[in-house]
Protein backbone atom coordinates (compact mmCIF):
# COMPACT_ATOMS: atom_id res chain seq x y z
CA MET A 1 3.58 47.04 42.88
CA LEU A 2 3.80 50.78 42.41
CA ILE A 3 4.47 52.45 39.09
CA ASP A 4 4.99 56.07 38.08
CA ILE A 5 2.72 57.62 35.46
CA PRO A 6 3.49 60.86 33.60
CA ALA A 7 0.40 62.99 34.26
CA PRO A 8 -0.61 66.56 33.35
CA GLY A 9 0.25 67.90 36.81
CA GLY A 10 3.45 65.91 37.37
CA THR A 11 4.32 62.30 38.11
CA ALA A 12 1.61 60.16 39.69
CA GLU A 13 2.08 56.93 41.55
CA ALA A 14 -0.30 54.07 40.82
CA LEU A 15 -0.84 50.70 42.44
CA VAL A 16 -0.89 47.79 39.98
CA VAL A 17 -2.27 44.45 41.13
CA ARG A 18 -2.30 41.23 39.12
CA PRO A 19 -3.99 37.85 39.64
CA SER A 20 -2.40 35.74 42.37
CA THR A 21 -2.42 32.73 40.04
CA GLY A 22 -2.47 32.23 36.31
CA THR A 23 -0.42 33.51 33.43
CA GLY A 24 -1.10 35.35 30.21
CA ASP A 25 -2.86 38.59 29.41
CA PHE A 26 -5.87 39.82 31.36
CA PRO A 27 -8.39 42.63 30.85
CA GLY A 28 -7.54 45.90 32.56
CA VAL A 29 -9.57 47.65 35.25
CA VAL A 30 -8.99 51.15 36.59
CA LEU A 31 -10.00 51.44 40.25
CA TYR A 32 -10.64 54.88 41.68
CA MET A 33 -10.09 55.21 45.41
CA ASP A 34 -12.21 57.10 47.91
CA ALA A 35 -11.22 60.41 49.50
CA PHE A 36 -8.97 58.71 52.06
CA GLY A 37 -6.51 57.65 49.39
CA LEU A 38 -4.45 54.62 48.49
CA ARG A 39 -3.87 52.45 51.54
CA PRO A 40 -4.00 48.76 52.52
CA ARG A 41 -7.80 48.54 52.23
CA ILE A 42 -7.73 49.74 48.63
CA GLU A 43 -4.96 47.25 47.86
CA GLU A 44 -7.08 44.46 49.41
CA MET A 45 -10.04 45.39 47.22
CA ALA A 46 -7.85 45.65 44.13
CA GLN A 47 -6.37 42.21 44.80
CA ARG A 48 -9.79 40.64 45.19
CA ILE A 49 -10.85 42.07 41.83
CA ALA A 50 -7.55 41.04 40.23
CA ASP A 51 -8.04 37.46 41.41
CA TRP A 52 -11.18 37.27 39.28
CA GLY A 53 -8.79 37.49 36.31
CA TYR A 54 -7.91 41.17 35.81
CA VAL A 55 -5.01 43.57 35.98
CA VAL A 56 -6.14 46.37 38.30
CA MET A 57 -4.56 49.81 38.40
CA ALA A 58 -5.43 52.31 41.15
CA PRO A 59 -3.90 55.73 40.52
CA ASN A 60 -3.14 58.28 43.21
CA VAL A 61 -5.60 60.82 41.83
CA PHE A 62 -4.42 63.35 44.44
CA TYR A 63 -0.84 63.27 43.19
CA ARG A 64 -0.80 67.07 42.96
CA GLU A 65 -1.28 67.14 46.74
CA GLY A 66 1.46 64.66 47.61
CA SER A 67 2.65 61.08 47.40
CA ILE A 68 0.73 58.03 48.58
CA LYS A 69 2.83 58.03 51.74
CA ASP A 70 2.31 61.74 52.32
CA LEU A 71 -1.47 61.47 52.04
CA ALA A 72 -2.04 58.20 53.89
CA PRO A 73 -4.51 58.57 56.77
CA THR A 74 -2.87 58.52 60.18
CA LEU A 75 -5.99 58.34 62.31
CA ASP A 76 -7.97 55.29 63.40
CA MET A 77 -10.94 55.53 61.05
CA SER A 78 -12.69 52.54 62.60
CA THR A 79 -14.34 54.94 65.02
CA LYS A 80 -16.88 57.54 63.96
CA GLU A 81 -14.79 60.29 65.49
CA GLY A 82 -11.62 59.12 63.75
CA ARG A 83 -13.35 58.85 60.38
CA GLU A 84 -14.81 62.33 60.70
CA ALA A 85 -11.44 63.79 61.65
CA ALA A 86 -9.76 62.05 58.72
CA GLY A 87 -12.48 63.38 56.47
CA LYS A 88 -11.80 66.96 57.50
CA ALA A 89 -8.23 66.49 56.31
CA ALA A 90 -9.10 64.62 53.12
CA PHE A 91 -12.24 66.27 51.77
CA PRO A 92 -10.66 69.60 50.75
CA ARG A 93 -8.53 67.64 48.28
CA VAL A 94 -11.70 66.32 46.69
CA GLY A 95 -12.96 69.81 45.99
CA ARG A 96 -9.67 70.80 44.41
CA LEU A 97 -9.82 67.89 41.93
CA THR A 98 -12.08 69.76 39.54
CA PRO A 99 -13.26 68.33 36.20
CA ASP A 100 -10.78 70.50 34.28
CA LYS A 101 -8.01 68.63 36.13
CA ALA A 102 -9.68 65.22 36.36
CA LEU A 103 -10.40 64.78 32.67
CA PRO A 104 -6.80 65.22 31.43
CA ASP A 105 -5.68 62.97 34.27
CA ILE A 106 -8.16 60.31 33.15
CA GLN A 107 -6.50 60.31 29.74
CA ALA A 108 -3.20 59.55 31.50
CA TRP A 109 -4.74 56.71 33.54
CA VAL A 110 -6.36 55.15 30.47
CA SER A 111 -3.15 55.38 28.46
CA ALA A 112 -1.16 53.85 31.30
CA ILE A 113 -3.34 50.81 31.82
CA THR A 114 -3.61 50.01 28.13
CA GLU A 115 0.19 50.10 27.88
CA LEU A 116 0.87 47.86 30.90
CA ASP A 117 2.51 44.50 30.28
CA GLY A 118 0.01 41.72 30.72
CA VAL A 119 -3.07 43.79 29.88
CA ARG A 120 -5.11 42.28 27.09
CA PRO A 121 -5.80 44.57 24.13
CA GLY A 122 -9.44 45.53 23.97
CA PRO A 123 -12.04 47.02 26.26
CA ILE A 124 -11.34 47.90 29.87
CA GLY A 125 -13.45 48.34 32.97
CA THR A 126 -13.51 50.91 35.72
CA THR A 127 -14.91 51.09 39.22
CA GLY A 128 -14.93 53.87 41.78
CA TYR A 129 -15.82 54.51 45.40
CA CYS A 130 -17.24 57.66 46.99
CA MET A 131 -15.75 60.51 44.96
CA GLY A 132 -14.02 57.86 42.84
CA ALA A 133 -17.41 56.88 41.42
CA ARG A 134 -17.55 60.26 39.69
CA LEU A 135 -14.14 59.60 38.15
CA ALA A 136 -15.26 56.16 36.98
CA VAL A 137 -18.30 57.64 35.24
CA ARG A 138 -16.21 60.38 33.65
CA THR A 139 -13.80 57.72 32.40
CA ALA A 140 -16.64 55.79 30.76
CA THR A 141 -18.16 58.88 29.17
CA ALA A 142 -14.85 60.36 27.98
CA HIS A 143 -13.65 57.06 26.46
CA PRO A 144 -16.74 55.26 25.18
CA GLU A 145 -14.77 53.38 22.57
CA LEU A 146 -12.67 51.70 25.24
CA VAL A 147 -14.63 51.44 28.50
CA ALA A 148 -17.11 48.55 28.43
CA ALA A 149 -17.92 48.33 32.15
CA CYS A 150 -18.34 50.96 34.86
CA GLY A 151 -19.15 50.45 38.51
CA GLY A 152 -19.90 53.17 41.04
CA PHE A 153 -20.41 52.43 44.73
CA HIS A 154 -21.50 54.78 47.51
CA GLY A 155 -20.76 57.58 45.08
CA GLY A 156 -21.63 61.19 45.71
CA GLY A 157 -22.48 64.00 43.32
CA LEU A 158 -23.17 61.74 40.34
CA ALA A 159 -26.28 63.61 39.22
CA THR A 160 -26.44 67.25 40.29
CA ASP A 161 -27.77 70.48 38.83
CA ALA A 162 -24.27 71.57 37.84
CA SER A 163 -23.50 72.05 34.17
CA ASP A 164 -20.62 69.55 34.44
CA SER A 165 -22.45 66.88 36.45
CA PRO A 166 -21.13 63.41 35.56
CA HIS A 167 -24.56 62.09 34.56
CA LEU A 168 -24.81 64.56 31.69
CA GLY A 169 -22.11 62.72 29.77
CA LEU A 170 -23.95 59.39 29.79
CA ARG A 171 -25.43 60.12 26.37
CA ASP A 172 -21.92 59.50 24.98
CA ALA A 173 -21.25 56.25 26.87
CA ARG A 174 -21.41 52.69 25.57
CA ALA A 175 -20.48 50.85 28.75
CA GLN A 176 -22.69 48.81 31.01
CA PHE A 177 -23.13 50.36 34.44
CA VAL A 178 -23.72 49.09 37.97
CA PHE A 179 -24.43 51.59 40.74
CA GLY A 180 -24.81 50.61 44.39
CA HIS A 181 -25.85 53.69 46.31
CA ALA A 182 -25.61 54.19 50.04
CA ASP A 183 -28.86 54.48 51.97
CA HIS A 184 -29.85 57.92 53.31
CA ASP A 185 -26.80 59.48 51.66
CA PRO A 186 -27.05 63.28 51.51
CA SER A 187 -24.44 63.34 48.74
CA MET A 188 -26.64 61.08 46.58
CA ASP A 189 -30.24 61.36 47.79
CA PRO A 190 -33.23 59.55 46.22
CA ALA A 191 -33.90 62.48 43.87
CA ALA A 192 -30.32 62.30 42.57
CA VAL A 193 -30.56 58.52 42.20
CA SER A 194 -33.74 59.02 40.18
CA ARG A 195 -32.08 61.69 38.03
CA LEU A 196 -29.19 59.32 37.36
CA GLY A 197 -31.60 56.53 36.46
CA GLN A 198 -33.44 58.78 34.04
CA ALA A 199 -30.18 59.71 32.32
CA LEU A 200 -29.24 56.04 32.00
CA ASP A 201 -32.65 55.26 30.50
CA GLU A 202 -32.53 58.17 28.08
CA ALA A 203 -29.09 57.04 26.91
CA ARG A 204 -30.51 53.51 26.48
CA LEU A 205 -27.71 52.02 28.52
CA THR A 206 -27.76 48.65 30.23
CA ALA A 207 -27.52 49.50 33.90
CA SER A 208 -28.58 48.80 37.46
CA ASN A 209 -29.10 51.76 39.77
CA THR A 210 -29.88 50.53 43.27
CA ILE A 211 -29.90 51.84 46.81
CA TYR A 212 -28.42 49.33 49.24
CA GLU A 213 -30.76 49.53 52.19
CA GLY A 214 -29.07 49.99 55.54
CA ALA A 215 -25.64 50.71 54.06
CA SER A 216 -24.15 54.13 54.77
CA HIS A 217 -21.81 56.22 52.67
CA GLY A 218 -18.44 54.45 52.53
CA TYR A 219 -19.86 50.98 53.19
CA THR A 220 -17.11 49.06 51.37
CA MET A 221 -14.28 50.54 53.41
CA ALA A 222 -13.47 47.93 56.06
CA ASP A 223 -10.95 50.24 57.74
CA THR A 224 -13.65 52.78 58.62
CA SER A 225 -16.69 52.95 60.86
CA ALA A 226 -18.94 53.04 57.75
CA TYR A 227 -18.20 49.42 56.80
CA HIS A 228 -21.21 47.24 56.07
CA HIS A 229 -20.27 43.63 55.37
CA GLU A 230 -23.42 42.50 53.56
CA ALA A 231 -23.48 45.52 51.27
CA THR A 232 -19.77 45.11 50.54
CA GLU A 233 -20.19 41.49 49.53
CA ARG A 234 -23.19 42.40 47.39
CA HIS A 235 -21.10 45.04 45.65
CA PHE A 236 -18.36 42.51 44.92
CA ARG A 237 -20.89 40.06 43.45
CA GLU A 238 -22.48 42.70 41.23
CA LEU A 239 -19.13 44.12 40.15
CA GLN A 240 -17.76 40.70 39.23
CA ALA A 241 -20.86 39.91 37.19
CA LEU A 242 -20.48 43.24 35.37
CA LEU A 243 -16.79 42.78 34.60
CA ASP A 244 -17.01 39.12 33.65
CA GLY A 245 -20.01 39.77 31.42
CA THR A 246 -18.38 42.60 29.49
CA LEU A 247 -14.63 41.95 29.49
CA LYS A 248 -14.24 38.20 29.15
CA GLY A 249 -14.82 35.94 26.18
CA ASP A 250 -13.93 36.07 22.51
CA SER A 251 -16.96 38.02 21.26
CA ILE A 252 -16.68 41.16 23.39
CA ARG A 253 -18.07 44.33 21.83
């Protein structure tokens, strides 16, 4: 279902997905979409995560630019040409979602998921894809008291030379992290992966920081030409292990 969230720049829609079976309260997970926005593929991924026993919320982080319907891709992204054309339309929005906007928004997303009916009080998890991986990391570093698990998959720009690079906040985090990087990804090259790993080590965080060989940027997105089945399934296995290990049980945190 869709809900409306009061956010700093207006009202934002968010997709909320619950387990297909079972009753009671479940841990919450914030899922950050890729640049192509909220669409059936993101809902499929959210449902799969929810069916592990979670309430998943995926906000329209581009709400300042338009509604979910307004921003939905209209091109066939299953071809390389279609994906590139869709990217030309979508990527400018990514640049406009600067940290000074993203961080107040994150506060709104965190508040919203903790207040949802059926979300168990206690720690939450977050996962993000492509540019959404940056938002997931910023969520974990801005709310260390709440975020126990953070996944980032085929993320870009996680560890740059910029003064506001996401990796610089890891010293404040308490979450466990799982990163599955795309292979030969110019937005997250081996030097950046190494820089991220060093920051995780220096912060003494429990983390995996792995390049998925043969998987290109966007590998989880089955509606695009970048989809890589084996890497996608690996990401789901590693994400489930992360979430189950940090958010379930009676002795968490």
